[in-house]
Amino acid sequence: MFIDEARVYVKAGDGGNGCLAFRREKYVPHGGPSGGDGGRGGDVVFVASIHHNTLLHFRFNPEHKAQRGRHGEGSNKTGRDGASIEVPVPVGTVVFDEATGEMVHDFAIPGERFVIARGGRGGRGNARFATSTHQAPTEHEPGHPGEEFHLRLELKLLADVGLVGFPNAGKSTLISRISAARPKIADYPFTTLEPNLGVVDAGDGRTFVVADIPGLIEGAHQGSGLGIQFLRHVERTRLLVHLVDVSEATGRDPVNDFEVIMRELASFSPEMAAKPMLLVAAKMDVAQDSARVEALEQLAAARNLEFFKLSSVTGQGVEALKHRLGDICLAPQAPPSE
């Protein structure tokens, strides 16, 4: 099951209380206050893990609490610190504070660690308050509480290329042809109900990642069909590949299909619609009306988009598209301007 959103509660450990104690022992010349400090509470640490690709484990374990520090003891014994806990999250997870809506951290690098909730400091024992004029203090502090938060986690898959288009436009078939991914493929809409990732071999040991996003339809930004719940997974991509079915089986106009999807992308995020894009006329093996293809090609020229004719069934255009994607994705990126 693919879960890309979760709500969790995290609680760092409270600090241990400081101790109130006095030392009175026979043959011990220096008595007086001897209360030790409390131990520090443990932290809650999130770690970006390559071994997780979904937030499913948070569905069954939504609470994560670190150990509290032990209380101080007599004879100036400091309490033991509480044990911290490490919580794995998939690479690409974005953490938000549910109370304020602010982003806390974005885990984009494997192995990245971030202290999401810090443990409380231990309280001071009464030995800390002794002075030359106050030799028998009874003051001591309670431990400080650890931080606690209600968090919302969103998973944004890390991919170089995002495939978008109407349901049944051929996205799943394409990703199965250019990578080892094996998504469900059938001749009815909404075959793909969750994003699929495929690693494409570009030769010379170089690879790039393609994400197949479940099909959009008109009104998706208002919740129609699968809605836009999966579009967050192409926010990080460098490039979009827009597949348009040019066969007569759809009963729709390919140019209008393109415009509909572009409106849905813009409704989700203007930056999304402005991403670099390749336009692909899909299912060329069953395209009998050349005027439909020509109209789409003219649209690509008018919008200054690279245009490809593709049939994932016969293989027409697959290698050309694959090599072009590799050239774009593996080209050195210009450093961000200051």
C-alpha atoms as a PDB file:
ATOM      1  CA  MET A   1       0.000   0.000   0.000  1.00  0.00           C
ATOM      2  CA  PHE A   2       1.351   3.416  -1.001  1.00  0.00           C
ATOM      3  CA  ILE A   3       0.816   6.036   1.707  1.00  0.00           C
ATOM      4  CA  ASP A   4       2.220   9.491   0.974  1.00  0.00           C
ATOM      5  CA  GLU A   5       0.703  11.486   3.831  1.00  0.00           C
ATOM      6  CA  ALA A   6       0.648  10.830   7.567  1.00  0.00           C
ATOM      7  CA  ARG A   7       0.066  12.600  10.866  1.00  0.00           C
ATOM      8  CA  VAL A   8       2.261  11.761  13.832  1.00  0.00           C
ATOM      9  CA  TYR A   9       2.848  12.857  17.399  1.00  0.00           C
ATOM     10  CA  VAL A  10       6.395  13.138  18.721  1.00  0.00           C
ATOM     11  CA  LYS A  11       7.436  13.706  22.346  1.00  0.00           C
ATOM     12  CA  ALA A  12      11.007  14.130  23.519  1.00  0.00           C
ATOM     13  CA  GLY A  13      11.924  12.914  26.983  1.00  0.00           C
ATOM     14  CA  ASP A  14      11.469  15.165  30.009  1.00  0.00           C
ATOM     15  CA  GLY A  15      14.514  16.018  32.083  1.00  0.00           C
ATOM     16  CA  GLY A  16      14.920  14.288  35.435  1.00  0.00           C
ATOM     17  CA  ASN A  17      14.302  16.211  38.656  1.00  0.00           C
ATOM     18  CA  GLY A  18      17.160  17.559  40.741  1.00  0.00           C
ATOM     19  CA  CYS A  19      17.600  15.878  44.127  1.00  0.00           C
ATOM     20  CA  LEU A  20      17.307  17.403  47.606  1.00  0.00           C
ATOM     21  CA  ALA A  21      19.759  15.593  49.897  1.00  0.00           C
ATOM     22  CA  PHE A  22      22.290  16.229  52.662  1.00  0.00           C
ATOM     23  CA  ARG A  23      25.310  14.093  53.420  1.00  0.00           C
ATOM     24  CA  ARG A  24      26.001  13.194  57.040  1.00  0.00           C
ATOM     25  CA  GLU A  25      28.410  10.326  57.467  1.00  0.00           C
ATOM     26  CA  LYS A  26      30.723   9.408  60.290  1.00  0.00           C
ATOM     27  CA  TYR A  27      34.377  10.077  59.558  1.00  0.00           C
ATOM     28  CA  VAL A  28      33.468  12.187  56.482  1.00  0.00           C
ATOM     29  CA  PRO A  29      34.678  15.691  57.268  1.00  0.00           C
ATOM     30  CA  HIS A  30      32.833  17.491  54.478  1.00  0.00           C
ATOM     31  CA  GLY A  31      29.102  16.937  54.720  1.00  0.00           C
ATOM     32  CA  GLY A  32      26.414  19.317  53.591  1.00  0.00           C
ATOM     33  CA  PRO A  33      24.135  19.416  50.515  1.00  0.00           C
ATOM     34  CA  SER A  34      24.656  16.489  48.162  1.00  0.00           C
ATOM     35  CA  GLY A  35      21.648  16.410  45.838  1.00  0.00           C
ATOM     36  CA  GLY A  36      22.635  15.502  42.247  1.00  0.00           C
ATOM     37  CA  ASP A  37      21.249  16.879  38.991  1.00  0.00           C
ATOM     38  CA  GLY A  38      18.604  15.146  36.930  1.00  0.00           C
ATOM     39  CA  GLY A  39      19.511  13.536  33.601  1.00  0.00           C
ATOM     40  CA  ARG A  40      18.664  15.050  30.267  1.00  0.00           C
ATOM     41  CA  GLY A  41      15.677  13.715  28.300  1.00  0.00           C
ATOM     42  CA  GLY A  42      16.204  11.869  25.027  1.00  0.00           C
ATOM     43  CA  ASP A  43      15.674  13.435  21.599  1.00  0.00           C
ATOM     44  CA  VAL A  44      13.413  12.307  18.759  1.00  0.00           C
ATOM     45  CA  VAL A  45      15.543  12.169  15.605  1.00  0.00           C
ATOM     46  CA  PHE A  46      14.181  11.647  12.077  1.00  0.00           C
ATOM     47  CA  VAL A  47      16.569   9.931   9.655  1.00  0.00           C
ATOM     48  CA  ALA A  48      16.122   9.838   5.858  1.00  0.00           C
ATOM     49  CA  SER A  49      16.193   6.165   4.863  1.00  0.00           C
ATOM     50  CA  ILE A  50      16.563   4.639   1.402  1.00  0.00           C
ATOM     51  CA  HIS A  51      14.914   1.476   2.727  1.00  0.00           C
ATOM     52  CA  HIS A  52      11.499   3.135   3.040  1.00  0.00           C
ATOM     53  CA  ASN A  53       9.504   4.405   0.070  1.00  0.00           C
ATOM     54  CA  THR A  54       6.152   5.021   1.740  1.00  0.00           C
ATOM     55  CA  LEU A  55       4.793   6.460   4.989  1.00  0.00           C
ATOM     56  CA  LEU A  56       2.820   3.297   5.684  1.00  0.00           C
ATOM     57  CA  HIS A  57       4.725   2.504   8.903  1.00  0.00           C
ATOM     58  CA  PHE A  58       3.407   5.724  10.465  1.00  0.00           C
ATOM     59  CA  ARG A  59      -0.154   4.550   9.848  1.00  0.00           C
ATOM     60  CA  PHE A  60       0.357   1.761  12.404  1.00  0.00           C
ATOM     61  CA  ASN A  61       2.673   3.653  14.764  1.00  0.00           C
ATOM     62  CA  PRO A  62       1.687   7.332  14.896  1.00  0.00           C
ATOM     63  CA  GLU A  63       3.294   8.127  18.285  1.00  0.00           C
ATOM     64  CA  HIS A  64       7.019   8.326  18.949  1.00  0.00           C
ATOM     65  CA  LYS A  65       8.298   9.110  22.444  1.00  0.00           C
ATOM     66  CA  ALA A  66      11.871   9.290  23.700  1.00  0.00           C
ATOM     67  CA  GLN A  67      12.903   8.203  27.192  1.00  0.00           C
ATOM     68  CA  ARG A  68      12.878  10.678  30.049  1.00  0.00           C
ATOM     69  CA  GLY A  69      15.995  11.401  32.110  1.00  0.00           C
ATOM     70  CA  ARG A  70      16.372   9.775  35.518  1.00  0.00           C
ATOM     71  CA  HIS A  71      16.133  11.857  38.662  1.00  0.00           C
ATOM     72  CA  GLY A  72      19.262  12.954  40.510  1.00  0.00           C
ATOM     73  CA  GLU A  73      20.261  11.109  43.692  1.00  0.00           C
ATOM     74  CA  GLY A  74      22.126  11.774  46.918  1.00  0.00           C
ATOM     75  CA  SER A  75      25.920  11.733  47.192  1.00  0.00           C
ATOM     76  CA  ASN A  76      26.011  14.095  44.170  1.00  0.00           C
ATOM     77  CA  LYS A  77      24.894  11.381  41.768  1.00  0.00           C
ATOM     78  CA  THR A  78      23.617  12.736  38.472  1.00  0.00           C
ATOM     79  CA  GLY A  79      20.673  10.931  36.911  1.00  0.00           C
ATOM     80  CA  ARG A  80      21.191   8.959  33.705  1.00  0.00           C
ATOM     81  CA  ASP A  81      20.278  10.689  30.435  1.00  0.00           C
ATOM     82  CA  GLY A  82      17.220   9.356  28.624  1.00  0.00           C
ATOM     83  CA  ALA A  83      17.756   7.347  25.450  1.00  0.00           C
ATOM     84  CA  SER A  84      17.067   9.131  22.174  1.00  0.00           C
ATOM     85  CA  ILE A  85      15.104   7.390  19.422  1.00  0.00           C
ATOM     86  CA  GLU A  86      15.677   7.401  15.662  1.00  0.00           C
ATOM     87  CA  VAL A  87      12.642   7.317  13.381  1.00  0.00           C
ATOM     88  CA  PRO A  88      13.234   6.420   9.697  1.00  0.00           C
ATOM     89  CA  VAL A  89      11.430   8.454   7.043  1.00  0.00           C
ATOM     90  CA  PRO A  90      11.607   7.993   3.257  1.00  0.00           C
ATOM     91  CA  VAL A  91      13.928  10.265   1.313  1.00  0.00           C
ATOM     92  CA  GLY A  92      11.714  13.041  -0.029  1.00  0.00           C
ATOM     93  CA  THR A  93       9.636  13.445   3.138  1.00  0.00           C
ATOM     94  CA  VAL A  94       8.614  16.989   4.046  1.00  0.00           C
ATOM     95  CA  VAL A  95       7.680  17.616   7.690  1.00  0.00           C
ATOM     96  CA  PHE A  96       5.168  20.314   8.660  1.00  0.00           C
ATOM     97  CA  ASP A  97       4.085  21.568  12.078  1.00  0.00           C
ATOM     98  CA  GLU A  98       0.374  20.827  12.073  1.00  0.00           C
ATOM     99  CA  ALA A  99      -0.418  23.640  14.509  1.00  0.00           C
ATOM    100  CA  THR A 100       1.224  26.425  12.491  1.00  0.00           C
ATOM    101  CA  GLY A 101       1.468  24.897   9.003  1.00  0.00           C
ATOM    102  CA  GLU A 102       5.162  25.834   8.824  1.00  0.00           C
ATOM    103  CA  MET A 103       7.643  23.495   7.168  1.00  0.00           C
ATOM    104  CA  VAL A 104      10.013  22.021   9.745  1.00  0.00           C
ATOM    105  CA  HIS A 105      12.386  20.117   7.467  1.00  0.00           C
ATOM    106  CA  ASP A 106      12.707  18.637   3.999  1.00  0.00           C
ATOM    107  CA  PHE A 107      14.568  15.306   3.835  1.00  0.00           C
ATOM    108  CA  ALA A 108      16.143  15.291   0.375  1.00  0.00           C
ATOM    109  CA  ILE A 109      19.451  13.503   1.068  1.00  0.00           C
ATOM    110  CA  PRO A 110      19.807   9.804   2.059  1.00  0.00           C
ATOM    111  CA  GLY A 111      21.099   9.426   5.611  1.00  0.00           C
ATOM    112  CA  GLU A 112      20.187  12.995   6.551  1.00  0.00           C
ATOM    113  CA  ARG A 113      19.429  13.406  10.275  1.00  0.00           C
ATOM    114  CA  PHE A 114      17.336  16.079  11.970  1.00  0.00           C
ATOM    115  CA  VAL A 115      16.400  16.447  15.637  1.00  0.00           C
ATOM    116  CA  ILE A 116      12.662  16.924  15.391  1.00  0.00           C
ATOM    117  CA  ALA A 117      12.052  17.246  19.163  1.00  0.00           C
ATOM    118  CA  ARG A 118      14.742  18.039  21.748  1.00  0.00           C
ATOM    119  CA  GLY A 119      14.813  16.465  25.178  1.00  0.00           C
ATOM    120  CA  GLY A 120      14.342  18.573  28.295  1.00  0.00           C
ATOM    121  CA  ARG A 121      17.278  19.639  30.469  1.00  0.00           C
ATOM    122  CA  GLY A 122      17.629  17.948  33.831  1.00  0.00           C
ATOM    123  CA  GLY A 123      16.849  19.957  36.951  1.00  0.00           C
ATOM    124  CA  ARG A 124      19.636  21.049  39.304  1.00  0.00           C
ATOM    125  CA  GLY A 125      20.072  19.385  42.675  1.00  0.00           C
ATOM    126  CA  ASN A 126      20.436  21.371  45.886  1.00  0.00           C
ATOM    127  CA  ALA A 127      24.235  20.961  45.868  1.00  0.00           C
ATOM    128  CA  ARG A 128      24.267  23.438  42.965  1.00  0.00           C
ATOM    129  CA  PHE A 129      22.818  26.160  45.140  1.00  0.00           C
ATOM    130  CA  ALA A 130      25.407  26.024  47.952  1.00  0.00           C
ATOM    131  CA  THR A 131      27.422  29.199  48.518  1.00  0.00           C
ATOM    132  CA  SER A 132      29.671  30.503  51.251  1.00  0.00           C
ATOM    133  CA  THR A 133      26.728  32.341  52.801  1.00  0.00           C
ATOM    134  CA  HIS A 134      24.075  29.741  52.004  1.00  0.00           C
ATOM    135  CA  GLN A 135      25.576  26.453  53.099  1.00  0.00           C
ATOM    136  CA  ALA A 136      22.443  24.371  53.605  1.00  0.00           C
ATOM    137  CA  PRO A 137      20.227  25.113  50.559  1.00  0.00           C
ATOM    138  CA  THR A 138      16.950  23.305  50.125  1.00  0.00           C
ATOM    139  CA  GLU A 139      16.329  24.643  46.635  1.00  0.00           C
ATOM    140  CA  HIS A 140      16.242  22.122  43.796  1.00  0.00           C
ATOM    141  CA  GLU A 141      14.704  22.182  40.321  1.00  0.00           C
ATOM    142  CA  PRO A 142      12.260  19.934  38.516  1.00  0.00           C
ATOM    143  CA  GLY A 143      13.299  18.640  35.104  1.00  0.00           C
ATOM    144  CA  HIS A 144      12.393  20.675  32.058  1.00  0.00           C
ATOM    145  CA  PRO A 145       9.763  19.147  29.769  1.00  0.00           C
ATOM    146  CA  GLY A 146      10.840  17.775  26.401  1.00  0.00           C
ATOM    147  CA  GLU A 147       9.473  19.252  23.212  1.00  0.00           C
ATOM    148  CA  GLU A 148       6.327  17.741  21.730  1.00  0.00           C
ATOM    149  CA  PHE A 149       4.694  18.330  18.376  1.00  0.00           C
ATOM    150  CA  HIS A 150       1.849  17.155  16.216  1.00  0.00           C
ATOM    151  CA  LEU A 151       3.339  16.829  12.727  1.00  0.00           C
ATOM    152  CA  ARG A 152       2.063  16.306   9.212  1.00  0.00           C
ATOM    153  CA  LEU A 153       4.328  14.336   6.890  1.00  0.00           C
ATOM    154  CA  GLU A 154       4.150  14.539   3.105  1.00  0.00           C
ATOM    155  CA  LEU A 155       6.150  12.307   0.799  1.00  0.00           C
ATOM    156  CA  LYS A 156       7.343  13.799  -2.479  1.00  0.00           C
ATOM    157  CA  LEU A 157       9.052  11.164  -4.575  1.00  0.00           C
ATOM    158  CA  LEU A 158      12.460  12.098  -5.925  1.00  0.00           C
ATOM    159  CA  ALA A 159      12.364  11.690  -9.697  1.00  0.00           C
ATOM    160  CA  ASP A 160      14.067  13.405 -12.617  1.00  0.00           C
ATOM    161  CA  VAL A 161      11.150  13.037 -15.040  1.00  0.00           C
ATOM    162  CA  GLY A 162       7.405  13.100 -14.385  1.00  0.00           C
ATOM    163  CA  LEU A 163       4.917  11.522 -16.819  1.00  0.00           C
ATOM    164  CA  VAL A 164       1.583  13.335 -16.927  1.00  0.00           C
ATOM    165  CA  GLY A 165      -1.519  13.016 -19.040  1.00  0.00           C
ATOM    166  CA  PHE A 166      -5.090  11.756 -19.136  1.00  0.00           C
ATOM    167  CA  PRO A 167      -5.898   8.292 -17.764  1.00  0.00           C
ATOM    168  CA  ASN A 168      -4.993   5.501 -20.190  1.00  0.00           C
ATOM    169  CA  ALA A 169      -2.695   7.794 -22.202  1.00  0.00           C
ATOM    170  CA  GLY A 170       0.094   5.202 -22.192  1.00  0.00           C
ATOM    171  CA  LYS A 171       2.214   6.397 -19.250  1.00  0.00           C
ATOM    172  CA  SER A 172       2.438   3.001 -17.564  1.00  0.00           C
ATOM    173  CA  THR A 173       3.299   1.240 -20.829  1.00  0.00           C
ATOM    174  CA  LEU A 174       6.050   3.754 -21.539  1.00  0.00           C
ATOM    175  CA  ILE A 175       7.672   3.413 -18.123  1.00  0.00           C
ATOM    176  CA  SER A 176       7.563  -0.374 -18.495  1.00  0.00           C
ATOM    177  CA  ARG A 177       9.406  -0.080 -21.846  1.00  0.00           C
ATOM    178  CA  ILE A 178      12.216   2.202 -20.699  1.00  0.00           C
ATOM    179  CA  SER A 179      12.771   0.841 -17.179  1.00  0.00           C
ATOM    180  CA  ALA A 180      12.408  -2.288 -15.067  1.00  0.00           C
ATOM    181  CA  ALA A 181       9.206  -1.000 -13.455  1.00  0.00           C
ATOM    182  CA  ARG A 182       6.190  -3.221 -14.013  1.00  0.00           C
ATOM    183  CA  PRO A 183       3.051  -1.198 -13.262  1.00  0.00           C
ATOM    184  CA  LYS A 184      -0.406  -2.586 -13.889  1.00  0.00           C
ATOM    185  CA  ILE A 185      -1.400  -2.043 -17.522  1.00  0.00           C
ATOM    186  CA  ALA A 186      -4.944  -2.424 -18.884  1.00  0.00           C
ATOM    187  CA  ASP A 187      -7.241  -0.814 -21.471  1.00  0.00           C
ATOM    188  CA  TYR A 188      -9.457   1.056 -19.003  1.00  0.00           C
ATOM    189  CA  PRO A 189      -9.008   4.415 -17.212  1.00  0.00           C
ATOM    190  CA  PHE A 190      -7.423   4.748 -13.762  1.00  0.00           C
ATOM    191  CA  THR A 191      -5.443   1.523 -14.067  1.00  0.00           C
ATOM    192  CA  THR A 192      -2.673   3.259 -12.089  1.00  0.00           C
ATOM    193  CA  LEU A 193      -3.880   4.163  -8.604  1.00  0.00           C
ATOM    194  CA  GLU A 194      -0.523   5.134  -7.114  1.00  0.00           C
ATOM    195  CA  PRO A 195       2.723   6.608  -8.468  1.00  0.00           C
ATOM    196  CA  ASN A 196       5.299   4.253  -9.947  1.00  0.00           C
ATOM    197  CA  LEU A 197       9.034   4.862 -10.129  1.00  0.00           C
ATOM    198  CA  GLY A 198      11.337   3.453 -12.778  1.00  0.00           C
ATOM    199  CA  VAL A 199      15.116   3.702 -13.018  1.00  0.00           C
ATOM    200  CA  VAL A 200      16.211   4.173 -16.644  1.00  0.00           C
ATOM    201  CA  ASP A 201      19.642   3.040 -17.810  1.00  0.00           C
ATOM    202  CA  ALA A 202      21.121   5.768 -20.000  1.00  0.00           C
ATOM    203  CA  GLY A 203      24.338   3.834 -20.696  1.00  0.00           C
ATOM    204  CA  ASP A 204      27.868   4.225 -19.334  1.00  0.00           C
ATOM    205  CA  GLY A 205      26.557   3.416 -15.858  1.00  0.00           C
ATOM    206  CA  ARG A 206      24.390   6.551 -15.825  1.00  0.00           C
ATOM    207  CA  THR A 207      20.760   6.402 -14.741  1.00  0.00           C
ATOM    208  CA  PHE A 208      17.818   8.705 -14.182  1.00  0.00           C
ATOM    209  CA  VAL A 209      14.461   8.186 -12.459  1.00  0.00           C
ATOM    210  CA  VAL A 210      11.031   8.485 -14.079  1.00  0.00           C
ATOM    211  CA  ALA A 211       7.776   8.819 -12.119  1.00  0.00           C
ATOM    212  CA  ASP A 212       4.477   7.649 -13.616  1.00  0.00           C
ATOM    213  CA  ILE A 213       1.760   9.805 -12.050  1.00  0.00           C
ATOM    214  CA  PRO A 214      -1.867   8.527 -11.970  1.00  0.00           C
ATOM    215  CA  GLY A 215      -4.020  10.110 -14.665  1.00  0.00           C
ATOM    216  CA  LEU A 216      -5.553  13.527 -14.320  1.00  0.00           C
ATOM    217  CA  ILE A 217      -8.935  14.556 -15.665  1.00  0.00           C
ATOM    218  CA  GLU A 218     -10.739  17.865 -16.039  1.00  0.00           C
ATOM    219  CA  GLY A 219     -11.757  19.199 -12.628  1.00  0.00           C
ATOM    220  CA  ALA A 220      -9.028  17.273 -10.803  1.00  0.00           C
ATOM    221  CA  HIS A 221      -8.100  20.380  -8.776  1.00  0.00           C
ATOM    222  CA  GLN A 222     -11.671  20.304  -7.421  1.00  0.00           C
ATOM    223  CA  GLY A 223     -11.434  16.623  -6.473  1.00  0.00           C
ATOM    224  CA  SER A 224     -12.708  14.923  -9.623  1.00  0.00           C
ATOM    225  CA  GLY A 225     -11.260  11.504 -10.440  1.00  0.00           C
ATOM    226  CA  LEU A 226      -8.166  10.909  -8.349  1.00  0.00           C
ATOM    227  CA  GLY A 227      -7.887  14.636  -7.766  1.00  0.00           C
ATOM    228  CA  ILE A 228      -4.446  16.209  -7.612  1.00  0.00           C
ATOM    229  CA  GLN A 229      -3.292  14.260  -4.555  1.00  0.00           C
ATOM    230  CA  PHE A 230      -0.337  12.734  -6.417  1.00  0.00           C
ATOM    231  CA  LEU A 231       0.909  15.844  -8.211  1.00  0.00           C
ATOM    232  CA  ARG A 232       3.219  16.673  -5.314  1.00  0.00           C
ATOM    233  CA  HIS A 233       5.382  13.800  -6.554  1.00  0.00           C
ATOM    234  CA  VAL A 234       6.389  15.714  -9.682  1.00  0.00           C
ATOM    235  CA  GLU A 235       7.152  18.986  -7.875  1.00  0.00           C
ATOM    236  CA  ARG A 236      10.829  18.035  -7.585  1.00  0.00           C
ATOM    237  CA  THR A 237      11.245  16.808 -11.169  1.00  0.00           C
ATOM    238  CA  ARG A 238      13.483  18.613 -13.649  1.00  0.00           C
ATOM    239  CA  LEU A 239      11.269  17.766 -16.605  1.00  0.00           C
ATOM    240  CA  LEU A 240       7.682  16.816 -17.460  1.00  0.00           C
ATOM    241  CA  VAL A 241       6.718  14.490 -20.295  1.00  0.00           C
ATOM    242  CA  HIS A 242       3.143  15.185 -21.381  1.00  0.00           C
ATOM    243  CA  LEU A 243       1.588  12.170 -23.118  1.00  0.00           C
ATOM    244  CA  VAL A 244      -1.472  12.792 -25.282  1.00  0.00           C
ATOM    245  CA  ASP A 245      -3.455   9.901 -26.756  1.00  0.00           C
ATOM    246  CA  VAL A 246      -3.879  10.639 -30.490  1.00  0.00           C
ATOM    247  CA  SER A 247      -5.992   7.573 -31.287  1.00  0.00           C
ATOM    248  CA  GLU A 248      -9.660   7.970 -32.203  1.00  0.00           C
ATOM    249  CA  ALA A 249     -10.722   5.635 -29.377  1.00  0.00           C
ATOM    250  CA  THR A 250     -10.889   8.437 -26.812  1.00  0.00           C
ATOM    251  CA  GLY A 251     -13.468  10.465 -28.738  1.00  0.00           C
ATOM    252  CA  ARG A 252     -11.649  13.581 -27.511  1.00  0.00           C
ATOM    253  CA  ASP A 253      -9.590  16.217 -29.280  1.00  0.00           C
ATOM    254  CA  PRO A 254      -5.844  15.794 -28.527  1.00  0.00           C
ATOM    255  CA  VAL A 255      -5.209  19.551 -28.478  1.00  0.00           C
ATOM    256  CA  ASN A 256      -8.027  20.048 -25.996  1.00  0.00           C
ATOM    257  CA  ASP A 257      -6.669  17.177 -23.881  1.00  0.00           C
ATOM    258  CA  PHE A 258      -3.351  18.995 -23.677  1.00  0.00           C
ATOM    259  CA  GLU A 259      -5.001  22.269 -22.660  1.00  0.00           C
ATOM    260  CA  VAL A 260      -7.118  20.561 -19.990  1.00  0.00           C
ATOM    261  CA  ILE A 261      -4.108  18.957 -18.320  1.00  0.00           C
ATOM    262  CA  MET A 262      -2.146  22.211 -18.456  1.00  0.00           C
ATOM    263  CA  ARG A 263      -4.997  24.006 -16.685  1.00  0.00           C
ATOM    264  CA  GLU A 264      -5.037  21.353 -13.971  1.00  0.00           C
ATOM    265  CA  LEU A 265      -1.257  21.643 -13.507  1.00  0.00           C
ATOM    266  CA  ALA A 266      -1.535  25.430 -13.242  1.00  0.00           C
ATOM    267  CA  SER A 267      -4.389  25.100 -10.729  1.00  0.00           C
ATOM    268  CA  PHE A 268      -2.129  22.978  -8.540  1.00  0.00           C
ATOM    269  CA  SER A 269       0.947  25.183  -8.902  1.00  0.00           C
ATOM    270  CA  PRO A 270       1.933  27.834 -11.471  1.00  0.00           C
ATOM    271  CA  GLU A 271       5.535  26.643 -11.113  1.00  0.00           C
ATOM    272  CA  MET A 272       4.430  23.141 -12.110  1.00  0.00           C
ATOM    273  CA  ALA A 273       2.905  24.324 -15.392  1.00  0.00           C
ATOM    274  CA  ALA A 274       6.058  26.332 -16.131  1.00  0.00           C
ATOM    275  CA  LYS A 275       8.433  23.350 -15.838  1.00  0.00           C
ATOM    276  CA  PRO A 276      10.409  22.279 -18.930  1.00  0.00           C
ATOM    277  CA  MET A 277       8.230  19.870 -20.917  1.00  0.00           C
ATOM    278  CA  LEU A 278       8.309  17.456 -23.835  1.00  0.00           C
ATOM    279  CA  LEU A 279       5.078  16.803 -25.724  1.00  0.00           C
ATOM    280  CA  VAL A 280       4.468  13.229 -26.865  1.00  0.00           C
ATOM    281  CA  ALA A 281       1.841  11.976 -29.297  1.00  0.00           C
ATOM    282  CA  ALA A 282       1.162   8.544 -27.786  1.00  0.00           C
ATOM    283  CA  LYS A 283      -0.392   5.410 -29.351  1.00  0.00           C
ATOM    284  CA  MET A 284       0.784   6.183 -32.879  1.00  0.00           C
ATOM    285  CA  ASP A 285       0.224   2.531 -33.809  1.00  0.00           C
ATOM    286  CA  VAL A 286      -3.558   3.045 -33.671  1.00  0.00           C
ATOM    287  CA  ALA A 287      -3.679   6.662 -34.880  1.00  0.00           C
ATOM    288  CA  GLN A 288      -5.572   6.611 -38.185  1.00  0.00           C
ATOM    289  CA  ASP A 289      -6.366  10.316 -38.530  1.00  0.00           C
ATOM    290  CA  SER A 290      -3.107  12.125 -39.322  1.00  0.00           C
ATOM    291  CA  ALA A 291      -4.820  15.492 -38.835  1.00  0.00           C
ATOM    292  CA  ARG A 292      -5.050  14.840 -35.083  1.00  0.00           C
ATOM    293  CA  VAL A 293      -1.283  14.285 -34.913  1.00  0.00           C
ATOM    294  CA  GLU A 294      -0.532  17.295 -37.108  1.00  0.00           C
ATOM    295  CA  ALA A 295      -2.687  19.571 -34.930  1.00  0.00           C
ATOM    296  CA  LEU A 296      -0.796  18.451 -31.850  1.00  0.00           C
ATOM    297  CA  GLU A 297       2.544  18.957 -33.604  1.00  0.00           C
ATOM    298  CA  GLN A 298       1.529  22.494 -34.588  1.00  0.00           C
ATOM    299  CA  LEU A 299       0.605  23.166 -30.961  1.00  0.00           C
ATOM    300  CA  ALA A 300       4.052  21.984 -29.858  1.00  0.00           C
ATOM    301  CA  ALA A 301       5.708  24.299 -32.373  1.00  0.00           C
ATOM    302  CA  ALA A 302       3.577  27.247 -31.233  1.00  0.00           C
ATOM    303  CA  ARG A 303       4.560  26.626 -27.602  1.00  0.00           C
ATOM    304  CA  ASN A 304       8.188  25.900 -28.467  1.00  0.00           C
ATOM    305  CA  LEU A 305       7.984  22.349 -27.083  1.00  0.00           C
ATOM    306  CA  GLU A 306       9.985  19.387 -28.363  1.00  0.00           C
ATOM    307  CA  PHE A 307       7.598  16.931 -30.029  1.00  0.00           C
ATOM    308  CA  PHE A 308       7.837  13.141 -30.231  1.00  0.00           C
ATOM    309  CA  LYS A 309       5.688  10.530 -31.947  1.00  0.00           C
ATOM    310  CA  LEU A 310       5.514   7.400 -29.839  1.00  0.00           C
ATOM    311  CA  SER A 311       4.148   3.896 -29.814  1.00  0.00           C
ATOM    312  CA  SER A 312       5.156   1.934 -26.740  1.00  0.00           C
ATOM    313  CA  VAL A 313       3.625  -1.189 -28.311  1.00  0.00           C
ATOM    314  CA  THR A 314       5.663  -1.192 -31.521  1.00  0.00           C
ATOM    315  CA  GLY A 315       8.619   0.688 -30.077  1.00  0.00           C
ATOM    316  CA  GLN A 316       8.294   3.647 -32.463  1.00  0.00           C
ATOM    317  CA  GLY A 317      10.092   6.661 -30.974  1.00  0.00           C
ATOM    318  CA  VAL A 318      10.832   4.974 -27.632  1.00  0.00           C
ATOM    319  CA  GLU A 319      14.628   4.982 -27.954  1.00  0.00           C
ATOM    320  CA  ALA A 320      14.704   8.535 -29.314  1.00  0.00           C
ATOM    321  CA  LEU A 321      12.634   9.780 -26.382  1.00  0.00           C
ATOM    322  CA  LYS A 322      14.707   7.784 -23.885  1.00  0.00           C
ATOM    323  CA  HIS A 323      17.987   9.228 -25.185  1.00  0.00           C
ATOM    324  CA  ARG A 324      16.611  12.761 -25.192  1.00  0.00           C
ATOM    325  CA  LEU A 325      15.459  12.382 -21.593  1.00  0.00           C
ATOM    326  CA  GLY A 326      18.904  11.123 -20.657  1.00  0.00           C
ATOM    327  CA  ASP A 327      20.589  14.075 -22.361  1.00  0.00           C
ATOM    328  CA  ILE A 328      18.426  16.542 -20.437  1.00  0.00           C
ATOM    329  CA  CYS A 329      18.452  14.833 -17.037  1.00  0.00           C
ATOM    330  CA  LEU A 330      22.150  14.017 -16.983  1.00  0.00           C
ATOM    331  CA  ALA A 331      23.360  17.366 -18.282  1.00  0.00           C
ATOM    332  CA  PRO A 332      25.212  19.424 -15.642  1.00  0.00           C
ATOM    333  CA  GLN A 333      22.903  21.877 -13.907  1.00  0.00           C
ATOM    334  CA  ALA A 334      23.878  25.528 -13.807  1.00  0.00           C
ATOM    335  CA  PRO A 335      24.568  26.788 -10.278  1.00  0.00           C
ATOM    336  CA  PRO A 336      21.724  28.893  -8.835  1.00  0.00           C
ATOM    337  CA  SER A 337      22.145  32.612  -9.418  1.00  0.00           C
ATOM    338  CA  GLU A 338      22.710  34.702  -6.323  1.00  0.00           C
END
